[in-house]
N, C-alpha and C. Protein backbone atom coordinates (compact mmCIF):
# COMPACT_ATOMS: atom_id res chain seq x y z
N MET A 1 114.87 15.26 94.82
CA MET A 1 115.82 15.85 93.91
C MET A 1 115.10 16.14 92.60
N SER A 2 115.47 17.24 92.00
CA SER A 2 114.90 17.63 90.72
C SER A 2 116.02 17.82 89.72
N ILE A 3 115.72 17.45 88.50
CA ILE A 3 116.67 17.64 87.40
C ILE A 3 115.92 18.30 86.26
N LEU A 4 116.47 19.38 85.76
CA LEU A 4 115.88 20.07 84.63
C LEU A 4 116.71 19.73 83.40
N ILE A 5 116.08 19.17 82.38
CA ILE A 5 116.79 18.77 81.17
C ILE A 5 116.18 19.52 79.99
N ASP A 6 117.03 20.15 79.21
CA ASP A 6 116.60 20.88 78.03
C ASP A 6 117.04 20.09 76.80
N VAL A 7 116.12 19.35 76.22
CA VAL A 7 116.47 18.56 75.03
C VAL A 7 116.53 19.46 73.81
N GLN A 8 117.36 19.07 72.84
CA GLN A 8 117.59 19.92 71.67
C GLN A 8 116.63 19.64 70.52
N ASN A 9 116.06 18.44 70.50
CA ASN A 9 115.14 18.13 69.41
C ASN A 9 114.16 17.04 69.83
N GLU A 10 113.22 16.76 68.96
CA GLU A 10 112.16 15.79 69.26
C GLU A 10 112.72 14.38 69.45
N GLN A 11 113.74 14.02 68.69
CA GLN A 11 114.34 12.68 68.81
C GLN A 11 114.96 12.49 70.20
N GLU A 12 115.70 13.48 70.69
CA GLU A 12 116.27 13.40 72.03
C GLU A 12 115.17 13.27 73.07
N GLU A 13 114.10 14.00 72.88
CA GLU A 13 112.99 13.94 73.82
C GLU A 13 112.39 12.54 73.86
N LYS A 14 112.19 11.93 72.70
CA LYS A 14 111.62 10.58 72.63
C LYS A 14 112.53 9.56 73.31
N VAL A 15 113.83 9.67 73.06
CA VAL A 15 114.79 8.74 73.66
C VAL A 15 114.79 8.89 75.18
N LEU A 16 114.83 10.13 75.66
CA LEU A 16 114.85 10.39 77.09
C LEU A 16 113.57 9.87 77.76
N LEU A 17 112.43 10.16 77.18
CA LEU A 17 111.17 9.70 77.75
C LEU A 17 111.09 8.18 77.76
N ALA A 18 111.55 7.53 76.70
CA ALA A 18 111.56 6.06 76.66
C ALA A 18 112.45 5.50 77.76
N PHE A 19 113.61 6.12 77.95
CA PHE A 19 114.53 5.68 79.00
C PHE A 19 113.90 5.82 80.38
N LEU A 20 113.34 6.98 80.66
CA LEU A 20 112.72 7.21 81.97
C LEU A 20 111.55 6.26 82.21
N ASN A 21 110.75 6.05 81.19
CA ASN A 21 109.63 5.12 81.31
C ASN A 21 110.10 3.69 81.53
N SER A 22 111.18 3.30 80.87
CA SER A 22 111.66 1.92 80.99
C SER A 22 112.15 1.61 82.40
N LEU A 23 112.59 2.63 83.13
CA LEU A 23 113.07 2.43 84.50
C LEU A 23 112.02 2.82 85.54
N ASN A 24 110.81 3.10 85.08
CA ASN A 24 109.70 3.48 85.95
C ASN A 24 110.00 4.70 86.82
N PHE A 25 110.76 5.67 86.27
CA PHE A 25 111.00 6.92 86.97
C PHE A 25 109.74 7.77 86.94
N LYS A 26 109.50 8.48 88.04
CA LYS A 26 108.41 9.44 88.06
C LYS A 26 108.97 10.77 87.56
N PHE A 27 108.28 11.40 86.64
CA PHE A 27 108.76 12.67 86.11
C PHE A 27 107.60 13.51 85.61
N LYS A 28 107.89 14.80 85.44
CA LYS A 28 106.91 15.73 84.88
C LYS A 28 107.55 16.37 83.66
N THR A 29 106.77 16.60 82.65
CA THR A 29 107.26 17.35 81.50
C THR A 29 106.67 18.76 81.57
N ILE A 30 107.50 19.73 81.29
CA ILE A 30 107.09 21.13 81.34
C ILE A 30 107.60 21.80 80.07
N THR A 31 106.75 22.54 79.40
CA THR A 31 107.17 23.24 78.20
C THR A 31 107.80 24.57 78.58
N GLU A 32 108.51 25.17 77.62
CA GLU A 32 109.15 26.46 77.88
C GLU A 32 108.14 27.53 78.27
N ASN A 33 106.91 27.37 77.83
CA ASN A 33 105.88 28.37 78.14
C ASN A 33 105.47 28.33 79.61
N ASP A 34 105.87 27.30 80.32
CA ASP A 34 105.48 27.15 81.72
C ASP A 34 106.59 27.63 82.66
N ASN A 35 107.24 28.73 82.36
CA ASN A 35 108.34 29.23 83.17
C ASN A 35 107.94 29.47 84.61
N ASN A 36 106.73 29.98 84.83
CA ASN A 36 106.27 30.21 86.20
C ASN A 36 106.15 28.89 86.96
N LEU A 37 105.69 27.85 86.27
CA LEU A 37 105.57 26.55 86.89
C LEU A 37 106.95 25.99 87.24
N ILE A 38 107.91 26.18 86.36
CA ILE A 38 109.27 25.73 86.62
C ILE A 38 109.82 26.41 87.86
N LEU A 39 109.67 27.72 87.94
CA LEU A 39 110.15 28.48 89.10
C LEU A 39 109.42 28.05 90.37
N THR A 40 108.13 27.86 90.30
CA THR A 40 107.34 27.44 91.46
C THR A 40 107.80 26.07 91.94
N GLU A 41 107.99 25.14 91.02
CA GLU A 41 108.45 23.79 91.40
C GLU A 41 109.84 23.84 92.01
N PHE A 42 110.72 24.63 91.42
CA PHE A 42 112.07 24.76 91.95
C PHE A 42 112.04 25.30 93.37
N LEU A 43 111.29 26.38 93.58
CA LEU A 43 111.23 26.99 94.91
C LEU A 43 110.59 26.04 95.93
N LYS A 44 109.58 25.31 95.51
CA LYS A 44 108.94 24.35 96.41
C LYS A 44 109.94 23.28 96.85
N ASN A 45 110.67 22.73 95.89
CA ASN A 45 111.66 21.70 96.21
C ASN A 45 112.81 22.27 97.04
N TYR A 46 113.27 23.46 96.68
CA TYR A 46 114.36 24.11 97.41
C TYR A 46 113.98 24.34 98.87
N ASN A 47 112.79 24.87 99.08
CA ASN A 47 112.32 25.12 100.44
C ASN A 47 112.15 23.82 101.23
N HIS A 48 111.70 22.78 100.55
CA HIS A 48 111.57 21.47 101.20
C HIS A 48 112.93 20.95 101.64
N GLU A 49 113.94 21.09 100.77
CA GLU A 49 115.29 20.64 101.12
C GLU A 49 115.85 21.46 102.28
N LEU A 50 115.58 22.77 102.31
CA LEU A 50 116.02 23.59 103.44
C LEU A 50 115.35 23.16 104.74
N ASP A 51 114.05 22.87 104.67
CA ASP A 51 113.34 22.40 105.86
C ASP A 51 113.92 21.08 106.36
N ASP A 52 114.22 20.17 105.43
CA ASP A 52 114.82 18.88 105.81
C ASP A 52 116.19 19.09 106.46
N ALA A 53 116.99 19.98 105.88
CA ALA A 53 118.32 20.25 106.44
C ALA A 53 118.21 20.87 107.82
N GLU A 54 117.29 21.78 108.00
CA GLU A 54 117.09 22.41 109.30
C GLU A 54 116.67 21.37 110.34
N HIS A 55 115.80 20.47 109.94
CA HIS A 55 115.36 19.40 110.85
C HIS A 55 116.54 18.51 111.23
N ASP A 56 117.37 18.16 110.25
CA ASP A 56 118.56 17.33 110.52
C ASP A 56 119.49 18.02 111.51
N ILE A 57 119.71 19.30 111.32
CA ILE A 57 120.59 20.05 112.21
C ILE A 57 120.01 20.09 113.62
N GLU A 58 118.72 20.36 113.72
CA GLU A 58 118.08 20.43 115.04
C GLU A 58 118.12 19.09 115.76
N SER A 59 118.10 17.99 115.01
CA SER A 59 118.13 16.66 115.63
C SER A 59 119.56 16.13 115.78
N GLY A 60 120.54 16.96 115.45
CA GLY A 60 121.94 16.58 115.64
C GLY A 60 122.52 15.71 114.54
N GLU A 61 121.85 15.60 113.43
CA GLU A 61 122.32 14.78 112.31
C GLU A 61 123.06 15.67 111.30
N PHE A 62 124.33 15.92 111.60
CA PHE A 62 125.13 16.74 110.69
C PHE A 62 126.60 16.42 110.91
N LEU A 63 127.43 16.84 110.00
CA LEU A 63 128.88 16.67 110.11
C LEU A 63 129.52 18.03 110.33
N LEU A 64 130.53 18.04 111.18
CA LEU A 64 131.29 19.26 111.36
C LEU A 64 132.25 19.43 110.19
N HIS A 65 132.65 20.65 109.94
CA HIS A 65 133.54 20.94 108.81
C HIS A 65 134.83 20.14 108.91
N LYS A 66 135.39 20.05 110.10
CA LYS A 66 136.64 19.30 110.27
C LYS A 66 136.46 17.82 109.96
N ASP A 67 135.27 17.28 110.25
CA ASP A 67 134.99 15.87 109.93
C ASP A 67 134.90 15.65 108.42
N VAL A 68 134.34 16.61 107.74
CA VAL A 68 134.26 16.53 106.27
C VAL A 68 135.66 16.59 105.68
N GLU A 69 136.49 17.47 106.20
CA GLU A 69 137.87 17.56 105.72
C GLU A 69 138.60 16.23 105.91
N LYS A 70 138.43 15.60 107.08
CA LYS A 70 139.05 14.29 107.33
C LYS A 70 138.54 13.24 106.34
N LEU A 71 137.24 13.25 106.13
CA LEU A 71 136.63 12.30 105.20
C LEU A 71 137.21 12.46 103.80
N LEU A 72 137.32 13.69 103.33
CA LEU A 72 137.87 13.94 102.00
C LEU A 72 139.35 13.59 101.94
N GLU A 73 140.09 13.87 103.00
CA GLU A 73 141.51 13.54 103.04
C GLU A 73 141.71 12.03 102.97
N ASN A 74 140.94 11.27 103.73
CA ASN A 74 141.03 9.81 103.70
C ASN A 74 140.61 9.24 102.36
N ARG A 75 139.63 9.90 101.74
CA ARG A 75 139.17 9.45 100.43
C ARG A 75 140.26 9.63 99.39
N ARG A 76 140.96 10.77 99.45
CA ARG A 76 142.05 11.02 98.51
C ARG A 76 143.17 10.00 98.68
N LYS A 77 143.46 9.63 99.93
CA LYS A 77 144.51 8.66 100.20
C LYS A 77 144.18 7.30 99.61
N SER A 78 142.91 6.93 99.62
CA SER A 78 142.50 5.62 99.11
C SER A 78 142.53 5.54 97.58
N LEU A 79 142.53 6.68 96.93
CA LEU A 79 142.58 6.69 95.47
C LEU A 79 144.00 6.46 95.04
């Protein structure tokens, strides 16, 4: 999973980086000048997720639409 965060100032950036570091998250920082890198990373991750989904479908690991509807209906009832 990838998350793109656009911080508004240097203070927000410092707080975010400190938080991520404190939880030992792996992350990459990319400047606005690296738009091609952002697009490349997004496409790489997107294609990887599509490949994983295709593999899941081929191996029979998926839910039918009607099963999802039942799951959501039961979830609403429990709330």
